[in-house]
């Protein structure tokens, strides 16, 4: 069997291909190829598989009633290069072809390759030399075994009968990645926006796939990390037929997105595919301040401590993943928000990263800090209670609005330990065991001060 002539199957024999790409630099590749088999032993070199294949995950199947029994498989990834070819010829004879400098004729000498470590060492009939003569080249007799010009999966199997077979090959490969990106165009009244989602795909696997069915899995797939071994994928896959567009469905506790048309994904290529499009998505703009209190360890602004500590006022755009053309699970990605100025020119307003988001969830995009709305916090009084580890503090937050319109600022205070608000100048809500929040209105071109007293026990 060792001397069996191998048959070669390349990408031209590929009748169908599909890829399921995960978030973690891995993909499941499924191919269908047409190969000619003989009754008895067969050796088939499956060329044009991914160079970053995880060989132990491959699965070879037959589509007909001809029984194929796989005996052995080998992945040959030692690719043909001049250096590798010379390594394989150590201990063997090559022909050195040089040029006679007097008459320009070719001179041929045979030599044994003694070594190829940081340079070649050659043993001629009467001498040993390092390197090659000027303008010389080397002629090799044949291509050594296991040295391939393409990554090749070599399959040895038995067939019950001869014929042209439609076979399937599936395997996991590293070198694939995808990420979602979103573009939101905010309306002039800042109450709605149009959202476009794109998927950016990158193929660094060492293989190209033409007219392939593409599927993407969003979610954290469990991976097994073994010492001195590739990372494997734990979990099953499901392949569904789809129509047009990017369709979404549940897959265990993940989400599967299927492109409704075949696409080409070349090696060392990054491409974008449309994911979704939603128009007139309702949105709410908020101004938000987040404060965290930890054991009354506070510092004031050193330049003007009498004015208190300046607080950033974040601009937040909130919307629900349920209305209009939304209401589908959104993969993790960056949302970039744009708007138009008075000249109808598009301007960049900010960006934020969203996590994998299920339908009906609320998304809050933090776009930056407001310019015309400012805040400063002062500790009017801090009193330690003598009988226990506790303190009372009276706090004021001065809010100023330089805009021509009235605004409302959402102030969120986070406390640690046991706490109780004793008094407040404005209504507040206790949201959790640690959070209280206020919604403080500020008239146009005016200011407002929130004051409250809180007791904290540690």
Protein backbone atom coordinates (compact mmCIF):
# COMPACT_ATOMS: atom_id res chain seq x y z
CA UNK A 1 0.00 0.00 0.00
CA UNK A 2 2.90 2.35 0.64
CA UNK A 3 3.69 2.40 -3.08
CA UNK A 4 0.11 3.13 -4.06
CA UNK A 5 -0.11 5.99 -6.53
CA UNK A 6 -2.03 8.79 -4.90
CA UNK A 7 -4.91 10.57 -6.58
CA UNK A 8 -5.09 14.34 -6.22
CA UNK A 9 -8.24 16.28 -5.39
CA UNK A 10 -8.02 20.08 -5.56
CA UNK A 11 -10.38 23.02 -5.27
CA UNK A 12 -11.65 22.42 -8.83
CA UNK A 13 -13.24 19.18 -7.56
CA UNK A 14 -15.12 21.07 -4.85
CA UNK A 15 -18.84 20.99 -5.67
CA UNK A 16 -20.05 22.83 -2.57
CA UNK A 17 -18.61 24.50 0.52
CA UNK A 18 -20.04 26.04 3.65
CA UNK A 19 -18.39 27.81 6.55
CA UNK A 20 -19.64 28.42 10.08
CA UNK A 21 -17.40 31.06 11.65
CA UNK A 22 -17.25 31.58 15.40
CA UNK A 23 -16.06 34.58 17.40
CA UNK A 24 -12.93 32.85 18.67
CA UNK A 25 -10.61 32.55 15.65
CA UNK A 26 -12.11 29.27 14.51
CA UNK A 27 -14.49 27.98 11.87
CA UNK A 28 -16.24 24.77 10.91
CA UNK A 29 -15.63 24.02 7.21
CA UNK A 30 -17.79 21.60 5.24
CA UNK A 31 -16.85 20.59 1.69
CA UNK A 32 -18.32 18.31 -0.93
CA UNK A 33 -15.98 16.99 -3.60
CA UNK A 34 -16.19 14.58 -6.52
CA UNK A 35 -13.35 12.04 -6.65
CA UNK A 36 -12.65 8.87 -8.59
CA UNK A 37 -12.06 5.79 -6.44
CA UNK A 38 -10.96 2.24 -7.19
CA UNK A 39 -12.22 -0.92 -5.55
CA UNK A 40 -9.86 -1.76 -2.71
CA UNK A 41 -7.16 0.56 -1.37
CA UNK A 42 -7.15 4.28 -2.28
CA UNK A 43 -4.82 7.12 -1.37
CA UNK A 44 -6.27 10.56 -2.08
CA UNK A 45 -4.43 13.84 -1.51
CA UNK A 46 -7.05 16.46 -0.61
CA UNK A 47 -5.37 19.71 -1.63
CA UNK A 48 -6.53 23.25 -0.91
CA UNK A 49 -7.73 22.54 2.61
CA UNK A 50 -7.08 25.25 5.19
CA UNK A 51 -3.44 25.48 6.25
CA UNK A 52 -4.58 26.01 9.86
CA UNK A 53 -6.76 22.90 9.91
CA UNK A 54 -7.06 21.01 13.21
CA UNK A 55 -6.49 17.55 11.65
CA UNK A 56 -8.00 15.48 14.45
CA UNK A 57 -11.38 17.17 13.90
CA UNK A 58 -11.75 16.10 10.25
CA UNK A 59 -14.62 13.86 9.21
CA UNK A 60 -14.73 12.02 5.87
CA UNK A 61 -18.11 10.77 4.60
CA UNK A 62 -19.60 9.31 1.45
CA UNK A 63 -22.81 10.43 -0.23
CA UNK A 64 -23.56 7.16 -2.06
CA UNK A 65 -24.10 3.49 -1.15
CA UNK A 66 -20.45 2.67 -1.87
CA UNK A 67 -18.87 1.85 1.50
CA UNK A 68 -15.65 3.81 2.16
CA UNK A 69 -13.65 2.75 5.22
CA UNK A 70 -11.05 5.29 6.34
CA UNK A 71 -7.76 3.67 7.40
CA UNK A 72 -5.45 6.58 8.00
CA UNK A 73 -5.14 10.29 7.45
CA UNK A 74 -2.08 12.56 7.45
CA UNK A 75 -1.90 16.31 7.24
CA UNK A 76 1.16 17.42 5.26
CA UNK A 77 1.87 21.03 6.16
CA UNK A 78 5.62 21.02 5.36
CA UNK A 79 5.30 23.33 2.36
CA UNK A 80 7.67 23.45 -0.58
CA UNK A 81 10.31 26.19 -0.32
CA UNK A 82 13.95 26.27 -1.54
CA UNK A 83 15.17 25.87 2.04
CA UNK A 84 12.83 22.97 2.83
CA UNK A 85 13.73 21.26 -0.43
CA UNK A 86 17.42 21.52 0.40
CA UNK A 87 16.75 20.13 3.91
CA UNK A 88 15.06 17.08 2.40
CA UNK A 89 18.12 16.46 0.17
CA UNK A 90 20.66 16.27 3.00
CA UNK A 91 22.54 13.01 2.38
CA UNK A 92 21.40 12.90 -1.25
CA UNK A 93 22.94 13.99 -4.54
CA UNK A 94 22.09 17.15 -6.48
CA UNK A 95 23.41 18.72 -9.66
CA UNK A 96 25.17 22.10 -9.44
CA UNK A 97 24.86 24.09 -12.68
CA UNK A 98 27.31 26.99 -12.98
CA UNK A 99 28.46 29.26 -15.82
CA UNK A 100 31.91 29.12 -17.38
CA UNK A 101 33.08 32.74 -17.19
CA UNK A 102 35.33 32.32 -20.29
CA UNK A 103 32.87 31.04 -22.88
CA UNK A 104 29.55 31.32 -21.01
CA UNK A 105 28.80 27.59 -21.27
CA UNK A 106 27.04 25.62 -18.53
CA UNK A 107 29.15 23.43 -16.27
CA UNK A 108 27.41 20.56 -14.44
CA UNK A 109 28.79 18.81 -11.36
CA UNK A 110 27.18 16.36 -8.99
CA UNK A 111 27.53 16.90 -5.28
CA UNK A 112 26.24 15.38 -2.06
CA UNK A 113 24.41 17.74 0.31
CA UNK A 114 26.16 17.29 3.67
CA UNK A 115 24.24 19.95 5.61
CA UNK A 116 21.91 22.92 5.21
CA UNK A 117 22.33 24.83 8.48
CA UNK A 118 22.61 28.59 7.89
CA UNK A 119 24.08 27.72 4.51
CA UNK A 120 24.62 24.69 2.33
CA UNK A 121 27.64 22.35 2.60
CA UNK A 122 28.38 20.36 -0.57
CA UNK A 123 30.70 17.39 -1.10
CA UNK A 124 32.02 17.18 -4.66
CA UNK A 125 34.08 14.31 -6.06
CA UNK A 126 37.36 16.02 -5.10
CA UNK A 127 36.43 18.65 -2.46
CA UNK A 128 33.97 20.00 0.08
CA UNK A 129 32.60 23.54 -0.36
CA UNK A 130 30.17 25.83 1.41
CA UNK A 131 27.75 27.94 -0.57
CA UNK A 132 27.34 28.03 -4.32
CA UNK A 133 29.46 29.48 -7.10
CA UNK A 134 28.39 32.84 -8.51
CA UNK A 135 25.29 32.60 -10.73
CA UNK A 136 25.02 28.87 -9.99
CA UNK A 137 21.75 27.02 -9.54
CA UNK A 138 20.78 23.61 -8.17
CA UNK A 139 18.90 20.86 -10.03
CA UNK A 140 17.00 18.27 -7.96
CA UNK A 141 16.04 14.83 -9.21
CA UNK A 142 12.51 14.59 -7.75
CA UNK A 143 10.17 16.07 -5.16
CA UNK A 144 10.63 14.38 -1.77
CA UNK A 145 7.72 12.71 -0.01
CA UNK A 146 5.61 14.81 2.37
CA UNK A 147 6.83 18.09 0.87
CA UNK A 148 3.83 19.77 -0.71
CA UNK A 149 3.28 22.99 -2.58
CA UNK A 150 -0.14 23.31 -0.86
CA UNK A 151 -1.40 22.16 2.55
CA UNK A 152 -2.70 18.63 1.89
CA UNK A 153 -4.82 16.16 3.83
CA UNK A 154 -3.77 12.68 2.76
CA UNK A 155 -6.50 10.03 3.13
CA UNK A 156 -6.03 6.26 2.96
CA UNK A 157 -9.28 4.30 2.66
CA UNK A 158 -10.84 1.14 1.28
CA UNK A 159 -13.73 1.20 -1.21
CA UNK A 160 -16.14 -1.63 -1.96
CA UNK A 161 -16.33 -0.71 -5.63
CA UNK A 162 -14.91 1.63 -8.25
CA UNK A 163 -16.63 4.76 -9.46
CA UNK A 164 -16.98 8.53 -9.33
CA UNK A 165 -17.94 9.37 -5.74
CA UNK A 166 -19.49 12.42 -4.13
CA UNK A 167 -17.72 12.68 -0.76
CA UNK A 168 -17.96 15.06 2.17
CA UNK A 169 -15.14 16.50 4.25
CA UNK A 170 -15.65 18.59 7.37
CA UNK A 171 -13.09 19.94 9.82
CA UNK A 172 -12.32 22.77 12.20
CA UNK A 173 -9.73 25.36 11.27
CA UNK A 174 -8.23 28.36 12.95
CA UNK A 175 -7.51 31.57 11.07
CA UNK A 176 -11.08 32.83 10.70
CA UNK A 177 -12.72 35.71 12.55
CA UNK A 178 -15.73 37.97 12.31
CA UNK A 179 -17.07 41.01 14.10
CA UNK A 180 -20.15 43.15 13.82
CA UNK A 181 -20.12 46.90 13.19
CA UNK A 182 -23.10 49.24 13.23
CA UNK A 183 -23.73 52.70 11.79
CA UNK A 184 -26.51 54.82 13.30
CA UNK A 185 -27.63 58.01 11.54
CA UNK A 186 -29.38 60.20 14.09
CA UNK A 187 -32.32 62.33 12.92
CA UNK A 188 -32.21 66.11 13.33
CA UNK A 189 -34.71 66.03 16.21
CA UNK A 190 -32.57 63.35 17.93
CA UNK A 191 -35.65 61.17 18.51
CA UNK A 192 -35.05 58.45 15.89
CA UNK A 193 -32.17 56.99 13.93
CA UNK A 194 -31.53 54.64 11.02
CA UNK A 195 -29.34 51.66 11.85
CA UNK A 196 -27.23 49.60 9.45
CA UNK A 197 -25.33 46.53 10.62
CA UNK A 198 -22.32 45.03 8.88
CA UNK A 199 -20.28 41.89 9.46
CA UNK A 200 -16.53 42.13 8.85
CA UNK A 201 -14.99 38.76 7.94
CA UNK A 202 -11.28 37.93 7.90
CA UNK A 203 -9.77 34.79 6.39
CA UNK A 204 -6.16 33.98 7.32
CA UNK A 205 -6.59 30.21 7.16
CA UNK A 206 -4.38 29.58 4.14
CA UNK A 207 -7.23 28.50 1.84
CA UNK A 208 -9.76 30.22 -0.39
CA UNK A 209 -13.43 29.30 -0.68
CA UNK A 210 -15.54 30.21 -3.70
CA UNK A 211 -19.34 30.32 -3.78
CA UNK A 212 -19.48 29.20 -0.15
CA UNK A 213 -22.52 29.23 2.11
CA UNK A 214 -21.67 31.46 5.07
CA UNK A 215 -22.94 31.17 8.64
CA UNK A 216 -21.88 33.06 11.77
CA UNK A 217 -22.31 32.06 15.40
CA UNK A 218 -22.65 34.78 18.05
CA UNK A 219 -21.92 33.75 21.63
CA UNK A 220 -19.11 32.43 23.79
CA UNK A 221 -18.38 28.87 22.67
CA UNK A 222 -16.60 26.75 25.28
CA UNK A 223 -13.06 25.88 24.21
CA UNK A 224 -10.83 23.20 25.70
CA UNK A 225 -7.21 24.26 26.30
CA UNK A 226 -4.77 21.34 26.24
CA UNK A 227 -1.03 21.57 26.91
CA UNK A 228 1.01 21.40 23.71
CA UNK A 229 -2.14 20.82 21.65
CA UNK A 230 -4.45 22.97 19.51
CA UNK A 231 -7.53 24.53 21.01
CA UNK A 232 -10.60 22.48 20.20
CA UNK A 233 -14.20 23.50 19.87
CA UNK A 234 -16.75 22.02 22.24
CA UNK A 235 -20.27 21.94 20.82
CA UNK A 236 -22.28 20.88 17.80
CA UNK A 237 -23.35 22.80 14.73
CA UNK A 238 -26.56 23.06 12.81
CA UNK A 239 -26.85 23.94 9.14
CA UNK A 240 -30.15 25.38 7.93
CA UNK A 241 -31.35 26.29 4.48
CA UNK A 242 -32.08 30.01 4.13
CA UNK A 243 -33.63 32.50 1.80
CA UNK A 244 -32.35 35.96 0.99
CA UNK A 245 -30.63 38.29 3.43
CA UNK A 246 -28.94 37.46 6.74
CA UNK A 247 -31.32 35.20 8.65
CA UNK A 248 -31.10 34.57 12.39
CA UNK A 249 -32.03 31.52 14.44
CA UNK A 250 -31.31 29.97 17.82
CA UNK A 251 -28.47 27.45 18.11
CA UNK A 252 -28.31 25.81 21.52
CA UNK A 253 -27.85 28.95 23.66
CA UNK A 254 -26.12 30.88 20.88
CA UNK A 255 -27.42 32.64 17.78
CA UNK A 256 -26.75 31.61 14.21
CA UNK A 257 -26.78 34.08 11.30
CA UNK A 258 -27.00 32.68 7.77
CA UNK A 259 -26.21 34.64 4.62
CA UNK A 260 -28.90 33.91 2.05
CA UNK A 261 -26.52 33.78 -0.91
CA UNK A 262 -23.13 32.17 -1.61
CA UNK A 263 -20.06 34.37 -1.29
CA UNK A 264 -16.33 34.18 -2.01
CA UNK A 265 -13.89 34.32 0.89
CA UNK A 266 -10.32 34.43 -0.35
CA UNK A 267 -7.22 33.79 1.71
CA UNK A 268 -5.76 36.91 3.36
CA UNK A 269 -8.96 38.80 2.65
CA UNK A 270 -11.21 41.00 4.76
CA UNK A 271 -14.71 41.66 3.46
CA UNK A 272 -17.95 43.14 4.72
CA UNK A 273 -21.43 41.63 4.44
CA UNK A 274 -24.70 43.39 5.27
CA UNK A 275 -26.25 42.11 8.51
CA UNK A 276 -29.36 44.23 9.07
CA UNK A 277 -31.08 47.50 8.25
CA UNK A 278 -33.60 49.28 10.46
CA UNK A 279 -35.26 52.66 9.84
CA UNK A 280 -36.77 55.17 12.26
CA UNK A 281 -35.69 53.41 15.45
CA UNK A 282 -37.10 55.37 18.45
CA UNK A 283 -34.35 56.76 20.68
CA UNK A 284 -34.04 58.83 23.84
CA UNK A 285 -31.11 61.10 24.61
CA UNK A 286 -30.08 61.35 28.25
CA UNK A 287 -27.52 63.31 30.24
CA UNK A 288 -26.07 61.12 32.95
CA UNK A 289 -23.73 61.44 35.95
CA UNK A 290 -22.38 58.31 37.66
CA UNK A 291 -20.92 58.68 41.16
CA UNK A 292 -19.42 55.98 43.34
CA UNK A 293 -18.96 56.41 47.11
CA UNK A 294 -16.41 54.20 48.85
CA UNK A 295 -15.75 54.92 52.55
CA UNK A 296 -15.86 58.70 52.05
CA UNK A 297 -12.51 58.82 50.37
CA UNK A 298 -12.93 62.02 48.34
CA UNK A 299 -10.63 64.54 46.74
CA UNK A 300 -11.48 67.99 45.43
CA UNK A 301 -10.25 69.73 42.34
CA UNK A 302 -6.84 71.10 43.39
CA UNK A 303 -7.09 74.27 41.29
CA UNK A 304 -10.28 75.62 42.92
CA UNK A 305 -11.20 73.37 45.85
CA UNK A 306 -13.79 75.84 47.03
CA UNK A 307 -15.78 75.18 43.85
CA UNK A 308 -15.97 71.41 44.42
CA UNK A 309 -15.02 68.47 42.22
CA UNK A 310 -16.02 68.67 38.53
CA UNK A 311 -18.13 65.75 37.31
CA UNK A 312 -18.36 64.60 33.68
CA UNK A 313 -21.88 64.67 32.24
CA UNK A 314 -22.18 61.80 29.77
CA UNK A 315 -24.35 61.95 26.66
CA UNK A 316 -26.26 58.66 26.42
CA UNK A 317 -28.47 57.46 23.56
CA UNK A 318 -30.93 54.76 24.65
CA UNK A 319 -33.10 52.54 22.48
CA UNK A 320 -34.91 49.21 22.74
CA UNK A 321 -34.06 46.23 20.56
CA UNK A 322 -37.69 45.50 19.81
CA UNK A 323 -39.21 48.16 17.58
CA UNK A 324 -39.38 48.58 13.82
CA UNK A 325 -37.01 46.32 11.92
CA UNK A 326 -35.08 45.41 15.07
CA UNK A 327 -36.19 42.77 17.56
CA UNK A 328 -33.46 40.27 16.60
CA UNK A 329 -30.41 39.31 18.69
CA UNK A 330 -27.58 41.75 17.92
CA UNK A 331 -24.00 40.41 17.85
CA UNK A 332 -21.35 42.18 19.87
CA UNK A 333 -19.81 45.12 18.03
CA UNK A 334 -19.09 48.84 17.84
CA UNK A 335 -21.95 51.26 17.14
CA UNK A 336 -20.83 54.51 15.49
CA UNK A 337 -23.34 57.36 15.60
CA UNK A 338 -23.50 60.14 13.00
CA UNK A 339 -25.65 63.25 12.64
CA UNK A 340 -26.07 66.19 10.28
CA UNK A 341 -25.09 69.78 10.91
CA UNK A 342 -26.95 72.91 9.69
CA UNK A 343 -25.31 72.50 6.26
CA UNK A 344 -26.64 68.92 5.96
CA UNK A 345 -23.13 67.55 6.24
CA UNK A 346 -22.61 64.29 8.11
CA UNK A 347 -20.63 64.57 11.34
CA UNK A 348 -19.31 61.86 13.68
CA UNK A 349 -20.97 62.05 17.11
CA UNK A 350 -19.31 59.19 19.01
CA UNK A 351 -19.16 55.43 19.33
CA UNK A 352 -19.67 52.72 21.92
CA UNK A 353 -19.27 48.95 22.19
CA UNK A 354 -22.35 46.81 22.74
CA UNK A 355 -22.22 43.24 24.00
CA UNK A 356 -24.23 40.37 22.49
CA UNK A 357 -27.74 41.78 22.98
CA UNK A 358 -30.94 39.71 23.00
CA UNK A 359 -34.17 40.99 21.54
CA UNK A 360 -36.31 43.27 23.73
CA UNK A 361 -33.23 44.44 25.68
CA UNK A 362 -32.49 48.13 26.15
CA UNK A 363 -29.20 49.47 24.82
CA UNK A 364 -27.48 52.58 26.19
CA UNK A 365 -24.74 54.10 24.02
CA UNK A 366 -22.31 56.42 25.79
CA UNK A 367 -21.23 58.87 23.09
CA UNK A 368 -19.06 61.30 25.08
CA UNK A 369 -19.37 64.15 27.58
CA UNK A 370 -21.64 67.17 27.19
CA UNK A 371 -19.95 70.52 26.55
CA UNK A 372 -22.71 72.91 27.67
CA UNK A 373 -23.87 71.00 30.74
CA UNK A 374 -21.51 71.01 33.71
CA UNK A 375 -21.61 69.66 37.25
CA UNK A 376 -19.61 70.05 40.46
CA UNK A 377 -19.92 68.08 43.66
CA UNK A 378 -19.27 69.46 47.16
CA UNK A 379 -19.29 67.81 50.56
CA UNK A 380 -20.94 70.38 52.77
CA UNK A 381 -20.55 68.34 55.92
CA UNK A 382 -19.18 64.91 56.89
CA UNK A 383 -19.84 63.68 60.42
CA UNK A 384 -18.54 60.44 61.87
CA UNK A 385 -20.85 58.62 64.26
CA UNK A 386 -19.12 57.65 67.48
CA UNK A 387 -20.93 54.44 68.52
CA UNK A 388 -20.37 52.52 65.28
CA UNK A 389 -18.43 52.58 62.04
CA UNK A 390 -20.73 54.99 60.28
CA UNK A 391 -20.91 58.53 58.96
CA UNK A 392 -23.34 61.10 57.71
CA UNK A 393 -22.60 63.42 54.80
CA UNK A 394 -24.44 66.33 53.26
CA UNK A 395 -23.67 66.54 49.57
CA UNK A 396 -24.52 69.14 46.95
CA UNK A 397 -24.25 68.76 43.17
CA UNK A 398 -24.37 72.06 41.30
CA UNK A 399 -25.69 71.68 37.74
CA UNK A 400 -25.37 74.36 35.04
CA UNK A 401 -27.06 74.36 31.63
CA UNK A 402 -25.68 76.73 28.97
CA UNK A 403 -27.98 75.36 26.23
CA UNK A 404 -30.96 77.26 24.80
CA UNK A 405 -33.27 74.39 25.79
CA UNK A 406 -34.20 72.92 29.15
CA UNK A 407 -32.60 69.56 29.93
CA UNK A 408 -32.91 66.80 32.52
CA UNK A 409 -29.82 65.22 34.08
CA UNK A 410 -29.97 61.66 35.39
CA UNK A 411 -27.76 61.41 38.50
CA UNK A 412 -26.86 57.92 39.70
CA UNK A 413 -25.24 57.51 43.12
CA UNK A 414 -23.68 54.17 44.09
CA UNK A 415 -23.15 53.47 47.80
CA UNK A 416 -21.32 50.68 49.63
CA UNK A 417 -22.37 49.13 52.91
CA UNK A 418 -25.68 49.97 54.59
CA UNK A 419 -26.97 53.37 53.55
CA UNK A 420 -30.01 55.58 54.00
CA UNK A 421 -30.86 58.91 52.43
CA UNK A 422 -32.11 61.09 55.28
CA UNK A 423 -33.26 64.05 53.19
CA UNK A 424 -33.14 65.27 49.58
CA UNK A 425 -34.05 68.45 47.72
CA UNK A 426 -35.41 66.44 44.79
CA UNK A 427 -37.35 63.21 44.43
CA UNK A 428 -35.25 60.08 44.02
CA UNK A 429 -35.67 56.35 43.42
CA UNK A 430 -33.87 53.47 45.10
CA UNK A 431 -33.07 51.17 42.18
CA UNK A 432 -30.99 48.43 43.85
CA UNK A 433 -29.26 47.70 47.15
CA UNK A 434 -26.50 50.05 46.03
CA UNK A 435 -28.09 52.54 43.66
CA UNK A 436 -30.21 55.64 44.00
CA UNK A 437 -30.99 57.96 41.12
CA UNK A 438 -32.42 61.40 40.53
CA UNK A 439 -33.82 63.05 37.42
CA UNK A 440 -33.06 66.75 37.89
CA UNK A 441 -34.54 69.29 35.44
CA UNK A 442 -32.47 72.37 34.56
CA UNK A 443 -34.06 75.34 32.77
CA UNK A 444 -32.44 76.79 29.65
CA UNK A 445 -29.36 78.93 30.38
CA UNK A 446 -29.79 78.37 34.08
CA UNK A 447 -28.56 76.26 37.00
CA UNK A 448 -29.94 73.96 39.67
CA UNK A 449 -28.45 72.43 42.83
CA UNK A 450 -29.27 68.97 44.13
CA UNK A 451 -28.61 68.48 47.84
CA UNK A 452 -29.08 65.35 49.90
CA UNK A 453 -27.95 63.89 53.23
CA UNK A 454 -26.96 60.25 53.44
CA UNK A 455 -25.95 57.96 56.29
CA UNK A 456 -23.61 55.06 55.58
CA UNK A 457 -22.56 52.18 57.82
CA UNK A 458 -19.66 49.84 57.08
